[in-house]
């Protein structure tokens, strides 16, 4: 049980749907459309992900952002890693996209 009752409700609804499908996954939901938009460079970046870091890591991150001689974009690296995880864990990604669709409906 999580601290967020909305997440608990989404999880319960997803479990009910899975039991109702009896192992059938062809319900018209296509996670591929979300994979295409997941790390799109043209998509607006309207949400943030908070990651707690040490003071040392924060100082290093800031320096990477400010260094002209370094060809690194830490924020893009994190987005790229999340995209790789979505491909590696498609069930979790699909569950997240189903929840996103439910949120968008309300």
PDB file of N, CA and C in Angstrom:
ATOM      1  N   UNK A   1       0.842  -1.168   0.000  1.00  0.00           N
ATOM      2  CA  UNK A   1       0.000   0.000   0.000  1.00  0.00           C
ATOM      3  C   UNK A   1       0.890   1.235   0.000  1.00  0.00           C
ATOM      4  N   UNK A   2       0.610   2.175  -0.889  1.00  0.00           N
ATOM      5  CA  UNK A   2       1.432   3.369  -0.998  1.00  0.00           C
ATOM      6  C   UNK A   2       0.837   4.503  -0.168  1.00  0.00           C
ATOM      7  N   UNK A   3       1.554   5.628  -0.169  1.00  0.00           N
ATOM      8  CA  UNK A   3       1.069   6.810   0.548  1.00  0.00           C
ATOM      9  C   UNK A   3       0.032   7.565  -0.271  1.00  0.00           C
ATOM     10  N   UNK A   4      -0.118   7.210  -1.521  1.00  0.00           N
ATOM     11  CA  UNK A   4      -1.034   7.920  -2.408  1.00  0.00           C
ATOM     12  C   UNK A   4      -2.254   7.059  -2.699  1.00  0.00           C
ATOM     13  N   UNK A   5      -3.431   7.442  -2.210  1.00  0.00           N
ATOM     14  CA  UNK A   5      -4.628   6.631  -2.438  1.00  0.00           C
ATOM     15  C   UNK A   5      -5.006   6.544  -3.918  1.00  0.00           C
ATOM     16  N   UNK A   6      -4.646   7.564  -4.705  1.00  0.00           N
ATOM     17  CA  UNK A   6      -4.944   7.536  -6.134  1.00  0.00           C
ATOM     18  C   UNK A   6      -4.153   6.416  -6.808  1.00  0.00           C
ATOM     19  N   UNK A   7      -2.892   6.262  -6.438  1.00  0.00           N
ATOM     20  CA  UNK A   7      -2.062   5.185  -6.986  1.00  0.00           C
ATOM     21  C   UNK A   7      -2.631   3.836  -6.598  1.00  0.00           C
ATOM     22  N   UNK A   8      -3.076   3.701  -5.357  1.00  0.00           N
ATOM     23  CA  UNK A   8      -3.680   2.448  -4.907  1.00  0.00           C
ATOM     24  C   UNK A   8      -4.926   2.122  -5.720  1.00  0.00           C
ATOM     25  N   UNK A   9      -5.733   3.149  -5.999  1.00  0.00           N
ATOM     26  CA  UNK A   9      -6.948   2.930  -6.791  1.00  0.00           C
ATOM     27  C   UNK A   9      -6.613   2.517  -8.211  1.00  0.00           C
ATOM     28  N   UNK A  10      -5.590   3.143  -8.795  1.00  0.00           N
ATOM     29  CA  UNK A  10      -5.153   2.775 -10.147  1.00  0.00           C
ATOM     30  C   UNK A  10      -4.665   1.335 -10.172  1.00  0.00           C
ATOM     31  N   UNK A  11      -3.873   0.967  -9.167  1.00  0.00           N
ATOM     32  CA  UNK A  11      -3.357  -0.403  -9.100  1.00  0.00           C
ATOM     33  C   UNK A  11      -4.490  -1.415  -8.976  1.00  0.00           C
ATOM     34  N   UNK A  12      -5.460  -1.107  -8.136  1.00  0.00           N
ATOM     35  CA  UNK A  12      -6.599  -2.017  -7.953  1.00  0.00           C
ATOM     36  C   UNK A  12      -7.398  -2.148  -9.246  1.00  0.00           C
ATOM     37  N   UNK A  13      -7.609  -1.033  -9.942  1.00  0.00           N
ATOM     38  CA  UNK A  13      -8.351  -1.084 -11.214  1.00  0.00           C
ATOM     39  C   UNK A  13      -7.575  -1.889 -12.251  1.00  0.00           C
ATOM     40  N   UNK A  14      -6.272  -1.731 -12.267  1.00  0.00           N
ATOM     41  CA  UNK A  14      -5.443  -2.486 -13.222  1.00  0.00           C
ATOM     42  C   UNK A  14      -5.505  -3.980 -12.919  1.00  0.00           C
ATOM     43  N   UNK A  15      -5.458  -4.339 -11.647  1.00  0.00           N
ATOM     44  CA  UNK A  15      -5.552  -5.754 -11.276  1.00  0.00           C
ATOM     45  C   UNK A  15      -6.904  -6.335 -11.685  1.00  0.00           C
ATOM     46  N   UNK A  16      -7.978  -5.557 -11.488  1.00  0.00           N
ATOM     47  CA  UNK A  16      -9.309  -6.013 -11.896  1.00  0.00           C
ATOM     48  C   UNK A  16      -9.371  -6.232 -13.401  1.00  0.00           C
ATOM     49  N   UNK A  17      -8.768  -5.312 -14.161  1.00  0.00           N
ATOM     50  CA  UNK A  17      -8.755  -5.457 -15.614  1.00  0.00           C
ATOM     51  C   UNK A  17      -7.975  -6.697 -16.032  1.00  0.00           C
ATOM     52  N   UNK A  18      -6.841  -6.924 -15.381  1.00  0.00           N
ATOM     53  CA  UNK A  18      -6.018  -8.085 -15.720  1.00  0.00           C
ATOM     54  C   UNK A  18      -6.757  -9.384 -15.429  1.00  0.00           C
ATOM     55  N   UNK A  19      -7.464  -9.445 -14.312  1.00  0.00           N
ATOM     56  CA  UNK A  19      -8.226 -10.646 -13.978  1.00  0.00           C
ATOM     57  C   UNK A  19      -9.365 -10.841 -14.961  1.00  0.00           C
ATOM     58  N   UNK A  20      -9.984  -9.760 -15.397  1.00  0.00           N
ATOM     59  CA  UNK A  20     -11.080  -9.839 -16.351  1.00  0.00           C
ATOM     60  C   UNK A  20     -10.623 -10.279 -17.731  1.00  0.00           C
ATOM     61  N   UNK A  21      -9.385  -9.976 -18.070  1.00  0.00           N
ATOM     62  CA  UNK A  21      -8.868 -10.350 -19.385  1.00  0.00           C
ATOM     63  C   UNK A  21      -8.448 -11.807 -19.449  1.00  0.00           C
ATOM     64  N   UNK A  22      -8.213 -12.429 -18.325  1.00  0.00           N
ATOM     65  CA  UNK A  22      -7.780 -13.834 -18.243  1.00  0.00           C
ATOM     66  C   UNK A  22      -6.555 -14.089 -19.110  1.00  0.00           C
ATOM     67  N   UNK A  23      -5.556 -13.272 -18.951  1.00  0.00           N
ATOM     68  CA  UNK A  23      -4.322 -13.474 -19.695  1.00  0.00           C
ATOM     69  C   UNK A  23      -4.341 -12.890 -21.091  1.00  0.00           C
ATOM     70  N   UNK A  24      -5.440 -12.331 -21.499  1.00  0.00           N
ATOM     71  CA  UNK A  24      -5.551 -11.752 -22.828  1.00  0.00           C
ATOM     72  C   UNK A  24      -5.053 -10.314 -22.774  1.00  0.00           C
ATOM     73  N   UNK A  25      -4.049  -9.957 -23.610  1.00  0.00           N
ATOM     74  CA  UNK A  25      -3.484  -8.621 -23.543  1.00  0.00           C
ATOM     75  C   UNK A  25      -3.885  -7.754 -24.723  1.00  0.00           C
ATOM     76  N   UNK A  26      -4.709  -8.233 -25.613  1.00  0.00           N
ATOM     77  CA  UNK A  26      -5.109  -7.468 -26.771  1.00  0.00           C
ATOM     78  C   UNK A  26      -6.408  -6.726 -26.478  1.00  0.00           C
ATOM     79  N   UNK A  27      -6.297  -5.620 -25.750  1.00  0.00           N
ATOM     80  CA  UNK A  27      -7.485  -4.848 -25.395  1.00  0.00           C
ATOM     81  C   UNK A  27      -7.530  -3.504 -26.105  1.00  0.00           C
ATOM     82  N   UNK A  28      -6.739  -3.357 -27.138  1.00  0.00           N
ATOM     83  CA  UNK A  28      -6.740  -2.127 -27.899  1.00  0.00           C
ATOM     84  C   UNK A  28      -5.756  -1.086 -27.394  1.00  0.00           C
ATOM     85  N   UNK A  29      -5.101  -1.345 -26.284  1.00  0.00           N
ATOM     86  CA  UNK A  29      -4.131  -0.397 -25.753  1.00  0.00           C
ATOM     87  C   UNK A  29      -2.796  -0.623 -26.439  1.00  0.00           C
ATOM     88  N   UNK A  30      -2.227   0.443 -26.993  1.00  0.00           N
ATOM     89  CA  UNK A  30      -0.972   0.337 -27.726  1.00  0.00           C
ATOM     90  C   UNK A  30       0.105   1.175 -27.046  1.00  0.00           C
ATOM     91  N   UNK A  31       0.978   0.552 -26.260  1.00  0.00           N
ATOM     92  CA  UNK A  31       2.021   1.327 -25.586  1.00  0.00           C
ATOM     93  C   UNK A  31       3.074   1.894 -26.546  1.00  0.00           C
ATOM     94  N   UNK A  32       3.138   1.363 -27.770  1.00  0.00           N
ATOM     95  CA  UNK A  32       4.132   1.852 -28.732  1.00  0.00           C
ATOM     96  C   UNK A  32       3.963   3.340 -29.011  1.00  0.00           C
ATOM     97  N   UNK A  33       2.737   3.824 -29.043  1.00  0.00           N
ATOM     98  CA  UNK A  33       2.511   5.243 -29.305  1.00  0.00           C
ATOM     99  C   UNK A  33       3.150   6.106 -28.216  1.00  0.00           C
ATOM    100  N   UNK A  34       3.196   5.579 -26.997  1.00  0.00           N
ATOM    101  CA  UNK A  34       3.804   6.313 -25.895  1.00  0.00           C
ATOM    102  C   UNK A  34       5.321   6.203 -25.933  1.00  0.00           C
ATOM    103  N   UNK A  35       5.833   5.060 -26.380  1.00  0.00           N
ATOM    104  CA  UNK A  35       7.281   4.915 -26.514  1.00  0.00           C
ATOM    105  C   UNK A  35       7.824   5.928 -27.513  1.00  0.00           C
ATOM    106  N   UNK A  36       7.083   6.163 -28.582  1.00  0.00           N
ATOM    107  CA  UNK A  36       7.525   7.127 -29.583  1.00  0.00           C
ATOM    108  C   UNK A  36       7.627   8.537 -29.003  1.00  0.00           C
ATOM    109  N   UNK A  37       6.737   8.887 -28.102  1.00  0.00           N
ATOM    110  CA  UNK A  37       6.713  10.229 -27.522  1.00  0.00           C
ATOM    111  C   UNK A  37       7.543  10.342 -26.249  1.00  0.00           C
ATOM    112  N   UNK A  38       8.007   9.212 -25.733  1.00  0.00           N
ATOM    113  CA  UNK A  38       8.659   9.193 -24.423  1.00  0.00           C
ATOM    114  C   UNK A  38       9.833  10.154 -24.313  1.00  0.00           C
ATOM    115  N   UNK A  39      10.755  10.117 -25.234  1.00  0.00           N
ATOM    116  CA  UNK A  39      11.975  10.921 -25.143  1.00  0.00           C
ATOM    117  C   UNK A  39      12.121  11.786 -26.381  1.00  0.00           C
ATOM    118  N   UNK A  40      11.010  12.180 -26.945  1.00  0.00           N
ATOM    119  CA  UNK A  40      11.031  12.998 -28.149  1.00  0.00           C
ATOM    120  C   UNK A  40      11.649  14.357 -27.864  1.00  0.00           C
ATOM    121  N   UNK A  41      12.555  14.756 -28.725  1.00  0.00           N
ATOM    122  CA  UNK A  41      13.187  16.059 -28.564  1.00  0.00           C
ATOM    123  C   UNK A  41      12.230  17.203 -28.809  1.00  0.00           C
ATOM    124  N   UNK A  42      11.180  16.954 -29.592  1.00  0.00           N
ATOM    125  CA  UNK A  42      10.244  18.028 -29.913  1.00  0.00           C
ATOM    126  C   UNK A  42       9.108  18.150 -28.902  1.00  0.00           C
ATOM    127  N   UNK A  43       8.954  17.147 -28.040  1.00  0.00           N
ATOM    128  CA  UNK A  43       7.875  17.189 -27.044  1.00  0.00           C
ATOM    129  C   UNK A  43       8.208  18.210 -25.960  1.00  0.00           C
ATOM    130  N   UNK A  44       7.216  18.968 -25.507  1.00  0.00           N
ATOM    131  CA  UNK A  44       7.488  19.944 -24.440  1.00  0.00           C
ATOM    132  C   UNK A  44       7.843  19.236 -23.140  1.00  0.00           C
ATOM    133  N   UNK A  45       8.806  19.768 -22.436  1.00  0.00           N
ATOM    134  CA  UNK A  45       9.217  19.220 -21.149  1.00  0.00           C
ATOM    135  C   UNK A  45       8.436  19.970 -20.069  1.00  0.00           C
ATOM    136  N   UNK A  46       7.312  19.381 -19.656  1.00  0.00           N
ATOM    137  CA  UNK A  46       6.426  20.078 -18.730  1.00  0.00           C
ATOM    138  C   UNK A  46       6.408  19.479 -17.333  1.00  0.00           C
ATOM    139  N   UNK A  47       7.046  18.336 -17.148  1.00  0.00           N
ATOM    140  CA  UNK A  47       7.095  17.693 -15.834  1.00  0.00           C
ATOM    141  C   UNK A  47       8.549  17.582 -15.404  1.00  0.00           C
ATOM    142  N   UNK A  48       8.762  17.501 -14.098  1.00  0.00           N
ATOM    143  CA  UNK A  48      10.113  17.314 -13.581  1.00  0.00           C
ATOM    144  C   UNK A  48      10.146  16.061 -12.713  1.00  0.00           C
ATOM    145  N   UNK A  49      11.324  15.489 -12.613  1.00  0.00           N
ATOM    146  CA  UNK A  49      11.545  14.334 -11.763  1.00  0.00           C
ATOM    147  C   UNK A  49      12.548  14.767 -10.708  1.00  0.00           C
ATOM    148  N   UNK A  50      12.159  14.668  -9.457  1.00  0.00           N
ATOM    149  CA  UNK A  50      13.059  15.064  -8.379  1.00  0.00           C
ATOM    150  C   UNK A  50      13.926  13.898  -7.951  1.00  0.00           C
ATOM    151  N   UNK A  51      15.216  14.134  -7.941  1.00  0.00           N
ATOM    152  CA  UNK A  51      16.169  13.104  -7.531  1.00  0.00           C
ATOM    153  C   UNK A  51      17.038  13.703  -6.435  1.00  0.00           C
ATOM    154  N   UNK A  52      17.015  13.096  -5.269  1.00  0.00           N
ATOM    155  CA  UNK A  52      17.845  13.579  -4.174  1.00  0.00           C
ATOM    156  C   UNK A  52      19.299  13.205  -4.438  1.00  0.00           C
ATOM    157  N   UNK A  53      20.191  14.167  -4.245  1.00  0.00           N
ATOM    158  CA  UNK A  53      21.622  13.942  -4.457  1.00  0.00           C
ATOM    159  C   UNK A  53      22.405  14.528  -3.292  1.00  0.00           C
ATOM    160  N   UNK A  54      23.645  14.109  -3.182  1.00  0.00           N
ATOM    161  CA  UNK A  54      24.533  14.669  -2.158  1.00  0.00           C
ATOM    162  C   UNK A  54      25.000  16.046  -2.602  1.00  0.00           C
ATOM    163  N   UNK A  55      25.555  16.790  -1.684  1.00  0.00           N
ATOM    164  CA  UNK A  55      26.094  18.114  -2.007  1.00  0.00           C
ATOM    165  C   UNK A  55      27.195  17.999  -3.057  1.00  0.00           C
ATOM    166  N   UNK A  56      28.001  16.943  -2.950  1.00  0.00           N
ATOM    167  CA  UNK A  56      29.098  16.739  -3.901  1.00  0.00           C
ATOM    168  C   UNK A  56      28.557  16.481  -5.311  1.00  0.00           C
ATOM    169  N   UNK A  57      27.522  15.645  -5.397  1.00  0.00           N
ATOM    170  CA  UNK A  57      26.944  15.340  -6.699  1.00  0.00           C
ATOM    171  C   UNK A  57      26.278  16.580  -7.295  1.00  0.00           C
ATOM    172  N   UNK A  58      25.627  17.372  -6.453  1.00  0.00           N
ATOM    173  CA  UNK A  58      24.991  18.594  -6.940  1.00  0.00           C
ATOM    174  C   UNK A  58      26.029  19.572  -7.477  1.00  0.00           C
ATOM    175  N   UNK A  59      27.137  19.730  -6.756  1.00  0.00           N
ATOM    176  CA  UNK A  59      28.197  20.624  -7.208  1.00  0.00           C
ATOM    177  C   UNK A  59      28.767  20.160  -8.549  1.00  0.00           C
ATOM    178  N   UNK A  60      28.968  18.852  -8.693  1.00  0.00           N
ATOM    179  CA  UNK A  60      29.477  18.298  -9.943  1.00  0.00           C
ATOM    180  C   UNK A  60      28.478  18.506 -11.076  1.00  0.00           C
ATOM    181  N   UNK A  61      27.205  18.275 -10.820  1.00  0.00           N
ATOM    182  CA  UNK A  61      26.152  18.473 -11.811  1.00  0.00           C
ATOM    183  C   UNK A  61      26.148  19.920 -12.300  1.00  0.00           C
ATOM    184  N   UNK A  62      26.188  20.864 -11.356  1.00  0.00           N
ATOM    185  CA  UNK A  62      26.196  22.283 -11.723  1.00  0.00           C
ATOM    186  C   UNK A  62      27.405  22.619 -12.588  1.00  0.00           C
ATOM    187  N   UNK A  63      28.559  22.070 -12.236  1.00  0.00           N
ATOM    188  CA  UNK A  63      29.771  22.342 -13.004  1.00  0.00           C
ATOM    189  C   UNK A  63      29.675  21.750 -14.401  1.00  0.00           C
ATOM    190  N   UNK A  64      29.095  20.553 -14.510  1.00  0.00           N
ATOM    191  CA  UNK A  64      28.886  19.959 -15.836  1.00  0.00           C
ATOM    192  C   UNK A  64      27.978  20.844 -16.694  1.00  0.00           C
ATOM    193  N   UNK A  65      26.941  21.367 -16.094  1.00  0.00           N
ATOM    194  CA  UNK A  65      26.016  22.224 -16.817  1.00  0.00           C
ATOM    195  C   UNK A  65      26.693  23.501 -17.317  1.00  0.00           C
ATOM    196  N   UNK A  66      27.624  24.022 -16.522  1.00  0.00           N
ATOM    197  CA  UNK A  66      28.259  25.300 -16.828  1.00  0.00           C
ATOM    198  C   UNK A  66      29.530  25.190 -17.668  1.00  0.00           C
ATOM    199  N   UNK A  67      30.107  24.007 -17.767  1.00  0.00           N
ATOM    200  CA  UNK A  67      31.388  23.836 -18.459  1.00  0.00           C
ATOM    201  C   UNK A  67      31.191  23.821 -19.978  1.00  0.00           C
ATOM    202  N   UNK A  68      31.786  24.781 -20.656  1.00  0.00           N
ATOM    203  CA  UNK A  68      31.692  24.847 -22.113  1.00  0.00           C
ATOM    204  C   UNK A  68      32.493  23.740 -22.790  1.00  0.00           C
ATOM    205  N   UNK A  69      33.557  23.304 -22.158  1.00  0.00           N
ATOM    206  CA  UNK A  69      34.442  22.308 -22.777  1.00  0.00           C
ATOM    207  C   UNK A  69      33.941  20.873 -22.619  1.00  0.00           C
ATOM    208  N   UNK A  70      32.884  20.672 -21.848  1.00  0.00           N
ATOM    209  CA  UNK A  70      32.346  19.332 -21.625  1.00  0.00           C
ATOM    210  C   UNK A  70      31.105  19.137 -22.496  1.00  0.00           C
ATOM    211  N   UNK A  71      31.138  18.090 -23.304  1.00  0.00           N
ATOM    212  CA  UNK A  71      29.998  17.759 -24.162  1.00  0.00           C
ATOM    213  C   UNK A  71      29.104  16.759 -23.433  1.00  0.00           C
ATOM    214  N   UNK A  72      28.432  17.226 -22.408  1.00  0.00           N
ATOM    215  CA  UNK A  72      27.550  16.355 -21.631  1.00  0.00           C
ATOM    216  C   UNK A  72      26.299  17.126 -21.273  1.00  0.00           C
ATOM    217  N   UNK A  73      25.193  16.404 -21.289  1.00  0.00           N
ATOM    218  CA  UNK A  73      23.924  16.982 -20.876  1.00  0.00           C
ATOM    219  C   UNK A  73      23.315  16.015 -19.863  1.00  0.00           C
ATOM    220  N   UNK A  74      23.565  16.255 -18.575  1.00  0.00           N
ATOM    221  CA  UNK A  74      23.071  15.315 -17.556  1.00  0.00           C
ATOM    222  C   UNK A  74      21.565  15.099 -17.597  1.00  0.00           C
ATOM    223  N   UNK A  75      20.805  16.136 -17.853  1.00  0.00           N
ATOM    224  CA  UNK A  75      19.349  15.989 -17.894  1.00  0.00           C
ATOM    225  C   UNK A  75      18.943  15.063 -19.036  1.00  0.00           C
ATOM    226  N   UNK A  76      19.562  15.228 -20.212  1.00  0.00           N
ATOM    227  CA  UNK A  76      19.242  14.357 -21.348  1.00  0.00           C
ATOM    228  C   UNK A  76      19.700  12.928 -21.064  1.00  0.00           C
ATOM    229  N   UNK A  77      20.808  12.775 -20.375  1.00  0.00           N
ATOM    230  CA  UNK A  77      21.283  11.431 -20.014  1.00  0.00           C
ATOM    231  C   UNK A  77      20.264  10.707 -19.141  1.00  0.00           C
ATOM    232  N   UNK A  78      19.652  11.441 -18.218  1.00  0.00           N
ATOM    233  CA  UNK A  78      18.629  10.841 -17.356  1.00  0.00           C
ATOM    234  C   UNK A  78      17.404  10.459 -18.185  1.00  0.00           C
ATOM    235  N   UNK A  79      16.987  11.341 -19.102  1.00  0.00           N
ATOM    236  CA  UNK A  79      15.849  11.018 -19.965  1.00  0.00           C
ATOM    237  C   UNK A  79      16.142   9.790 -20.818  1.00  0.00           C
ATOM    238  N   UNK A  80      17.373   9.713 -21.346  1.00  0.00           N
ATOM    239  CA  UNK A  80      17.765   8.554 -22.158  1.00  0.00           C
ATOM    240  C   UNK A  80      17.719   7.266 -21.336  1.00  0.00           C
ATOM    241  N   UNK A  81      18.177   7.358 -20.092  1.00  0.00           N
ATOM    242  CA  UNK A  81      18.182   6.172 -19.236  1.00  0.00           C
ATOM    243  C   UNK A  81      16.751   5.719 -18.926  1.00  0.00           C
ATOM    244  N   UNK A  82      15.852   6.656 -18.676  1.00  0.00           N
ATOM    245  CA  UNK A  82      14.454   6.294 -18.427  1.00  0.00           C
ATOM    246  C   UNK A  82      13.836   5.630 -19.657  1.00  0.00           C
ATOM    247  N   UNK A  83      14.204   6.096 -20.839  1.00  0.00           N
ATOM    248  CA  UNK A  83      13.693   5.468 -22.062  1.00  0.00           C
ATOM    249  C   UNK A  83      14.205   4.020 -22.175  1.00  0.00           C
ATOM    250  N   UNK A  84      15.480   3.813 -21.861  1.00  0.00           N
ATOM    251  CA  UNK A  84      16.037   2.451 -21.890  1.00  0.00           C
ATOM    252  C   UNK A  84      15.306   1.552 -20.894  1.00  0.00           C
ATOM    253  N   UNK A  85      15.005   2.085 -19.716  1.00  0.00           N
ATOM    254  CA  UNK A  85      14.275   1.304 -18.714  1.00  0.00           C
ATOM    255  C   UNK A  85      12.870   0.968 -19.194  1.00  0.00           C
ATOM    256  N   UNK A  86      12.242   1.874 -19.934  1.00  0.00           N
ATOM    257  CA  UNK A  86      10.903   1.607 -20.468  1.00  0.00           C
ATOM    258  C   UNK A  86      10.944   0.437 -21.442  1.00  0.00           C
ATOM    259  N   UNK A  87      11.998   0.352 -22.231  1.00  0.00           N
ATOM    260  CA  UNK A  87      12.138  -0.770 -23.167  1.00  0.00           C
ATOM    261  C   UNK A  87      12.489  -2.066 -22.434  1.00  0.00           C
ATOM    262  N   UNK A  88      13.253  -1.945 -21.369  1.00  0.00           N
ATOM    263  CA  UNK A  88      13.677  -3.119 -20.607  1.00  0.00           C
ATOM    264  C   UNK A  88      12.554  -3.687 -19.747  1.00  0.00           C
ATOM    265  N   UNK A  89      11.630  -2.824 -19.326  1.00  0.00           N
ATOM    266  CA  UNK A  89      10.532  -3.238 -18.443  1.00  0.00           C
ATOM    267  C   UNK A  89       9.197  -2.813 -19.061  1.00  0.00           C
ATOM    268  N   UNK A  90       8.800  -3.450 -20.155  1.00  0.00           N
ATOM    269  CA  UNK A  90       7.594  -3.014 -20.873  1.00  0.00           C
ATOM    270  C   UNK A  90       6.306  -3.140 -20.060  1.00  0.00           C
ATOM    271  N   UNK A  91       6.223  -4.108 -19.142  1.00  0.00           N
ATOM    272  CA  UNK A  91       5.000  -4.258 -18.350  1.00  0.00           C
ATOM    273  C   UNK A  91       4.812  -3.056 -17.436  1.00  0.00           C
ATOM    274  N   UNK A  92       5.900  -2.616 -16.823  1.00  0.00           N
ATOM    275  CA  UNK A  92       5.832  -1.465 -15.918  1.00  0.00           C
ATOM    276  C   UNK A  92       5.523  -0.205 -16.716  1.00  0.00           C
ATOM    277  N   UNK A  93       6.140  -0.086 -17.900  1.00  0.00           N
ATOM    278  CA  UNK A  93       5.885   1.075 -18.751  1.00  0.00           C
ATOM    279  C   UNK A  93       4.424   1.118 -19.178  1.00  0.00           C
ATOM    280  N   UNK A  94       3.876  -0.028 -19.586  1.00  0.00           N
ATOM    281  CA  UNK A  94       2.482  -0.071 -20.011  1.00  0.00           C
ATOM    282  C   UNK A  94       1.557   0.310 -18.857  1.00  0.00           C
ATOM    283  N   UNK A  95       1.859  -0.181 -17.674  1.00  0.00           N
ATOM    284  CA  UNK A  95       1.038   0.153 -16.502  1.00  0.00           C
ATOM    285  C   UNK A  95       1.051   1.663 -16.250  1.00  0.00           C
ATOM    286  N   UNK A  96       2.226   2.267 -16.369  1.00  0.00           N
ATOM    287  CA  UNK A  96       2.349   3.715 -16.166  1.00  0.00           C
ATOM    288  C   UNK A  96       1.556   4.486 -17.214  1.00  0.00           C
ATOM    289  N   UNK A  97       1.594   4.006 -18.460  1.00  0.00           N
ATOM    290  CA  UNK A  97       0.876   4.713 -19.525  1.00  0.00           C
ATOM    291  C   UNK A  97      -0.633   4.554 -19.385  1.00  0.00           C
ATOM    292  N   UNK A  98      -1.070   3.407 -18.881  1.00  0.00           N
ATOM    293  CA  UNK A  98      -2.503   3.220 -18.623  1.00  0.00           C
ATOM    294  C   UNK A  98      -2.962   4.188 -17.529  1.00  0.00           C
ATOM    295  N   UNK A  99      -2.156   4.330 -16.485  1.00  0.00           N
ATOM    296  CA  UNK A  99      -2.489   5.264 -15.413  1.00  0.00           C
ATOM    297  C   UNK A  99      -2.511   6.696 -15.938  1.00  0.00           C
ATOM    298  N   UNK A 100      -1.571   7.016 -16.819  1.00  0.00           N
ATOM    299  CA  UNK A 100      -1.531   8.357 -17.408  1.00  0.00           C
ATOM    300  C   UNK A 100      -2.804   8.623 -18.200  1.00  0.00           C
ATOM    301  N   UNK A 101      -3.261   7.649 -18.948  1.00  0.00           N
ATOM    302  CA  UNK A 101      -4.496   7.805 -19.708  1.00  0.00           C
ATOM    303  C   UNK A 101      -5.685   8.042 -18.784  1.00  0.00           C
ATOM    304  N   UNK A 102      -5.742   7.315 -17.669  1.00  0.00           N
ATOM    305  CA  UNK A 102      -6.829   7.500 -16.706  1.00  0.00           C
ATOM    306  C   UNK A 102      -6.773   8.913 -16.134  1.00  0.00           C
ATOM    307  N   UNK A 103      -5.572   9.390 -15.779  1.00  0.00           N
ATOM    308  CA  UNK A 103      -5.416  10.739 -15.249  1.00  0.00           C
ATOM    309  C   UNK A 103      -5.861  11.777 -16.276  1.00  0.00           C
ATOM    310  N   UNK A 104      -5.543  11.572 -17.537  1.00  0.00           N
ATOM    311  CA  UNK A 104      -5.906  12.518 -18.591  1.00  0.00           C
ATOM    312  C   UNK A 104      -7.415  12.579 -18.808  1.00  0.00           C
ATOM    313  N   UNK A 105      -8.100  11.488 -18.509  1.00  0.00           N
ATOM    314  CA  UNK A 105      -9.549  11.472 -18.665  1.00  0.00           C
ATOM    315  C   UNK A 105     -10.245  12.340 -17.625  1.00  0.00           C
ATOM    316  N   UNK A 106      -9.596  12.528 -16.473  1.00  0.00           N
ATOM    317  CA  UNK A 106     -10.208  13.317 -15.397  1.00  0.00           C
ATOM    318  C   UNK A 106      -9.640  14.662 -15.369  1.00  0.00           C
TER     319      UNK A 106
END
